[in-house]
Amino acid sequence: MRNNYPGKCYRCGERVEPGEGHFERMGRHWRVQHAECAIKFRGMPDHERQAFQIDKWKKMARMTGRRAQRARKRLKEMGVPWE
């Protein structure tokens, strides 16, 4: 969806004016990117989102239960220590 508010593009770092880009939610925050950057970087991994997910799985792995077991399994498959 198009952005209604200005912001800083998380792909290139330049300012995105209202209506010139797209927004998405990551965690509790909103991110904005240019429409051109969305096309240019399509299919490429988003390292910021991957780091966010790894941190989330690490927090979950410290808990108990099935969700914690699944988080430990994911981290182990990725080769990331959870402790």
N, C-alpha and C. Protein backbone atom coordinates (compact mmCIF):
# COMPACT_ATOMS: atom_id res chain seq x y z
N MET A 1 0.84 -1.18 0.00
CA MET A 1 0.00 0.00 0.00
C MET A 1 0.88 1.25 0.00
N ARG A 2 0.37 2.27 -0.57
CA ARG A 2 1.13 3.52 -0.65
C ARG A 2 1.17 4.20 0.71
N ASN A 3 2.26 4.93 0.93
CA ASN A 3 2.42 5.62 2.21
C ASN A 3 1.66 6.94 2.22
N ASN A 4 1.09 7.27 3.37
CA ASN A 4 0.39 8.54 3.55
C ASN A 4 1.26 9.56 4.26
N TYR A 5 2.35 9.12 4.84
CA TYR A 5 3.23 9.99 5.61
C TYR A 5 4.65 9.90 5.07
N PRO A 6 5.42 10.97 5.20
CA PRO A 6 6.81 10.92 4.73
C PRO A 6 7.65 10.07 5.67
N GLY A 7 8.78 9.63 5.18
CA GLY A 7 9.69 8.85 6.00
C GLY A 7 11.01 8.63 5.29
N LYS A 8 11.86 7.83 5.90
CA LYS A 8 13.17 7.52 5.35
C LYS A 8 13.14 6.11 4.78
N CYS A 9 13.55 5.94 3.54
CA CYS A 9 13.56 4.64 2.88
C CYS A 9 14.57 3.73 3.58
N TYR A 10 14.12 2.55 3.99
CA TYR A 10 15.02 1.65 4.69
C TYR A 10 15.94 0.91 3.71
N ARG A 11 15.72 1.04 2.42
CA ARG A 11 16.58 0.41 1.42
C ARG A 11 17.73 1.34 1.01
N CYS A 12 17.40 2.57 0.62
CA CYS A 12 18.44 3.48 0.12
C CYS A 12 18.78 4.60 1.08
N GLY A 13 17.93 4.87 2.08
CA GLY A 13 18.22 5.89 3.08
C GLY A 13 17.77 7.29 2.73
N GLU A 14 17.15 7.48 1.57
CA GLU A 14 16.68 8.81 1.17
C GLU A 14 15.25 9.03 1.61
N ARG A 15 14.81 10.29 1.57
CA ARG A 15 13.47 10.66 2.03
C ARG A 15 12.41 10.18 1.04
N VAL A 16 11.30 9.66 1.58
CA VAL A 16 10.16 9.21 0.77
C VAL A 16 9.00 10.15 1.07
N GLU A 17 8.53 10.84 0.06
CA GLU A 17 7.40 11.75 0.23
C GLU A 17 6.09 10.95 0.24
N PRO A 18 5.03 11.51 0.80
CA PRO A 18 3.73 10.81 0.82
C PRO A 18 3.26 10.42 -0.58
N GLY A 19 2.86 9.16 -0.74
CA GLY A 19 2.36 8.67 -2.02
C GLY A 19 3.43 8.18 -2.97
N GLU A 20 4.72 8.34 -2.64
CA GLU A 20 5.80 7.94 -3.53
C GLU A 20 6.39 6.57 -3.20
N GLY A 21 5.89 5.94 -2.15
CA GLY A 21 6.47 4.65 -1.77
C GLY A 21 5.45 3.73 -1.14
N HIS A 22 5.98 2.70 -0.49
CA HIS A 22 5.14 1.71 0.17
C HIS A 22 5.53 1.62 1.64
N PHE A 23 4.56 1.23 2.48
CA PHE A 23 4.86 1.06 3.89
C PHE A 23 4.62 -0.38 4.28
N GLU A 24 5.27 -0.81 5.34
CA GLU A 24 5.06 -2.15 5.89
C GLU A 24 5.34 -2.11 7.38
N ARG A 25 4.77 -3.05 8.08
CA ARG A 25 4.93 -3.10 9.52
C ARG A 25 5.99 -4.13 9.87
N MET A 26 6.89 -3.75 10.79
CA MET A 26 7.89 -4.68 11.29
C MET A 26 7.92 -4.54 12.80
N GLY A 27 7.42 -5.56 13.48
CA GLY A 27 7.32 -5.47 14.93
C GLY A 27 6.26 -4.46 15.30
N ARG A 28 6.65 -3.49 16.09
CA ARG A 28 5.71 -2.43 16.49
C ARG A 28 5.90 -1.15 15.71
N HIS A 29 6.75 -1.18 14.69
CA HIS A 29 7.08 0.03 13.94
C HIS A 29 6.68 -0.12 12.48
N TRP A 30 6.57 1.02 11.81
CA TRP A 30 6.27 1.05 10.39
C TRP A 30 7.53 1.45 9.64
N ARG A 31 7.77 0.82 8.48
CA ARG A 31 8.90 1.16 7.63
C ARG A 31 8.38 1.61 6.27
N VAL A 32 9.17 2.44 5.59
CA VAL A 32 8.78 2.98 4.30
C VAL A 32 9.91 2.72 3.31
N GLN A 33 9.53 2.45 2.07
CA GLN A 33 10.52 2.33 1.00
C GLN A 33 9.97 2.95 -0.27
N HIS A 34 10.86 3.40 -1.14
CA HIS A 34 10.44 3.95 -2.43
C HIS A 34 9.81 2.85 -3.27
N ALA A 35 8.91 3.24 -4.17
CA ALA A 35 8.32 2.27 -5.09
C ALA A 35 9.40 1.70 -6.00
N GLU A 36 10.37 2.52 -6.40
CA GLU A 36 11.47 2.05 -7.25
C GLU A 36 12.35 1.06 -6.50
N CYS A 37 12.59 1.30 -5.21
CA CYS A 37 13.40 0.39 -4.39
C CYS A 37 12.69 -0.94 -4.19
N ALA A 38 11.36 -0.91 -4.09
CA ALA A 38 10.60 -2.15 -3.93
C ALA A 38 10.77 -3.03 -5.16
N ILE A 39 10.77 -2.42 -6.33
CA ILE A 39 10.95 -3.17 -7.57
C ILE A 39 12.41 -3.62 -7.72
N LYS A 40 13.33 -2.71 -7.44
CA LYS A 40 14.76 -2.98 -7.60
C LYS A 40 15.23 -4.12 -6.69
N PHE A 41 14.74 -4.16 -5.44
CA PHE A 41 15.21 -5.14 -4.47
C PHE A 41 14.26 -6.33 -4.32
N ARG A 42 13.33 -6.51 -5.24
CA ARG A 42 12.38 -7.62 -5.17
C ARG A 42 13.12 -8.95 -5.23
N GLY A 43 12.78 -9.85 -4.31
CA GLY A 43 13.40 -11.17 -4.27
C GLY A 43 14.71 -11.24 -3.51
N MET A 44 15.24 -10.09 -3.10
CA MET A 44 16.49 -10.08 -2.34
C MET A 44 16.17 -10.18 -0.85
N PRO A 45 17.05 -10.83 -0.07
CA PRO A 45 16.77 -10.96 1.36
C PRO A 45 16.85 -9.62 2.08
N ASP A 46 16.00 -9.48 3.07
CA ASP A 46 15.97 -8.28 3.89
C ASP A 46 16.70 -8.61 5.19
N HIS A 47 17.94 -8.17 5.33
CA HIS A 47 18.77 -8.54 6.47
C HIS A 47 18.24 -7.98 7.78
N GLU A 48 17.63 -6.82 7.73
CA GLU A 48 17.06 -6.22 8.95
C GLU A 48 15.91 -7.08 9.49
N ARG A 49 15.06 -7.57 8.59
CA ARG A 49 13.94 -8.41 9.01
C ARG A 49 14.44 -9.76 9.53
N GLN A 50 15.48 -10.32 8.90
CA GLN A 50 16.04 -11.58 9.37
C GLN A 50 16.63 -11.43 10.76
N ALA A 51 17.33 -10.34 11.01
CA ALA A 51 17.90 -10.10 12.34
C ALA A 51 16.79 -9.93 13.37
N PHE A 52 15.71 -9.26 12.99
CA PHE A 52 14.56 -9.08 13.88
C PHE A 52 13.95 -10.43 14.24
N GLN A 53 13.79 -11.32 13.25
CA GLN A 53 13.22 -12.64 13.50
C GLN A 53 14.14 -13.49 14.36
N ILE A 54 15.44 -13.42 14.15
CA ILE A 54 16.37 -14.19 14.96
C ILE A 54 16.30 -13.75 16.42
N ASP A 55 16.25 -12.44 16.66
CA ASP A 55 16.11 -11.94 18.04
C ASP A 55 14.82 -12.43 18.67
N LYS A 56 13.75 -12.42 17.89
CA LYS A 56 12.45 -12.88 18.38
C LYS A 56 12.52 -14.37 18.74
N TRP A 57 13.16 -15.18 17.88
CA TRP A 57 13.27 -16.61 18.16
C TRP A 57 14.15 -16.88 19.36
N LYS A 58 15.21 -16.07 19.54
CA LYS A 58 16.08 -16.25 20.70
C LYS A 58 15.32 -16.01 22.01
N LYS A 59 14.49 -14.97 22.03
CA LYS A 59 13.67 -14.70 23.22
C LYS A 59 12.70 -15.84 23.47
N MET A 60 12.11 -16.36 22.40
CA MET A 60 11.15 -17.44 22.54
C MET A 60 11.85 -18.74 22.97
N ALA A 61 13.07 -18.97 22.52
CA ALA A 61 13.80 -20.20 22.83
C ALA A 61 14.14 -20.29 24.32
N ARG A 62 14.22 -19.16 25.01
CA ARG A 62 14.53 -19.16 26.44
C ARG A 62 13.33 -19.57 27.29
N MET A 63 12.16 -19.61 26.71
CA MET A 63 10.94 -19.97 27.44
C MET A 63 10.78 -21.49 27.46
N THR A 64 9.62 -21.94 27.90
CA THR A 64 9.32 -23.37 27.91
C THR A 64 8.12 -23.64 27.01
N GLY A 65 7.96 -24.88 26.61
CA GLY A 65 6.80 -25.26 25.81
C GLY A 65 7.14 -25.55 24.37
N ARG A 66 6.10 -25.86 23.59
CA ARG A 66 6.26 -26.26 22.19
C ARG A 66 6.83 -25.12 21.33
N ARG A 67 6.37 -23.91 21.59
CA ARG A 67 6.86 -22.78 20.80
C ARG A 67 8.35 -22.58 21.02
N ALA A 68 8.80 -22.77 22.24
CA ALA A 68 10.22 -22.63 22.55
C ALA A 68 11.02 -23.74 21.87
N GLN A 69 10.47 -24.94 21.83
CA GLN A 69 11.14 -26.05 21.16
C GLN A 69 11.29 -25.78 19.67
N ARG A 70 10.22 -25.27 19.06
CA ARG A 70 10.29 -24.94 17.63
C ARG A 70 11.30 -23.83 17.35
N ALA A 71 11.35 -22.84 18.24
CA ALA A 71 12.30 -21.74 18.06
C ALA A 71 13.73 -22.26 18.17
N ARG A 72 14.00 -23.15 19.14
CA ARG A 72 15.33 -23.74 19.26
C ARG A 72 15.70 -24.53 18.02
N LYS A 73 14.73 -25.26 17.48
CA LYS A 73 14.97 -26.06 16.27
C LYS A 73 15.32 -25.15 15.09
N ARG A 74 14.57 -24.06 14.92
CA ARG A 74 14.85 -23.11 13.82
C ARG A 74 16.24 -22.53 13.96
N LEU A 75 16.59 -22.10 15.17
CA LEU A 75 17.90 -21.50 15.39
C LEU A 75 19.01 -22.52 15.15
N LYS A 76 18.78 -23.76 15.56
CA LYS A 76 19.78 -24.81 15.36
C LYS A 76 19.99 -25.08 13.87
N GLU A 77 18.90 -25.12 13.10
CA GLU A 77 18.98 -25.32 11.65
C GLU A 77 19.74 -24.19 10.96
N MET A 78 19.60 -22.97 11.49
CA MET A 78 20.30 -21.82 10.93
C MET A 78 21.75 -21.73 11.41
N GLY A 79 22.08 -22.50 12.44
CA GLY A 79 23.43 -22.46 12.98
C GLY A 79 23.67 -21.29 13.91
N VAL A 80 22.60 -20.77 14.53
CA VAL A 80 22.69 -19.61 15.43
C VAL A 80 22.56 -20.12 16.88
N PRO A 81 23.53 -19.81 17.74
CA PRO A 81 23.37 -20.22 19.14
C PRO A 81 22.27 -19.40 19.82
N TRP A 82 21.44 -20.05 20.60
CA TRP A 82 20.32 -19.36 21.23
C TRP A 82 20.62 -18.95 22.65
N GLU A 83 21.72 -19.39 23.21
CA GLU A 83 22.04 -19.05 24.59
C GLU A 83 22.86 -17.80 24.68
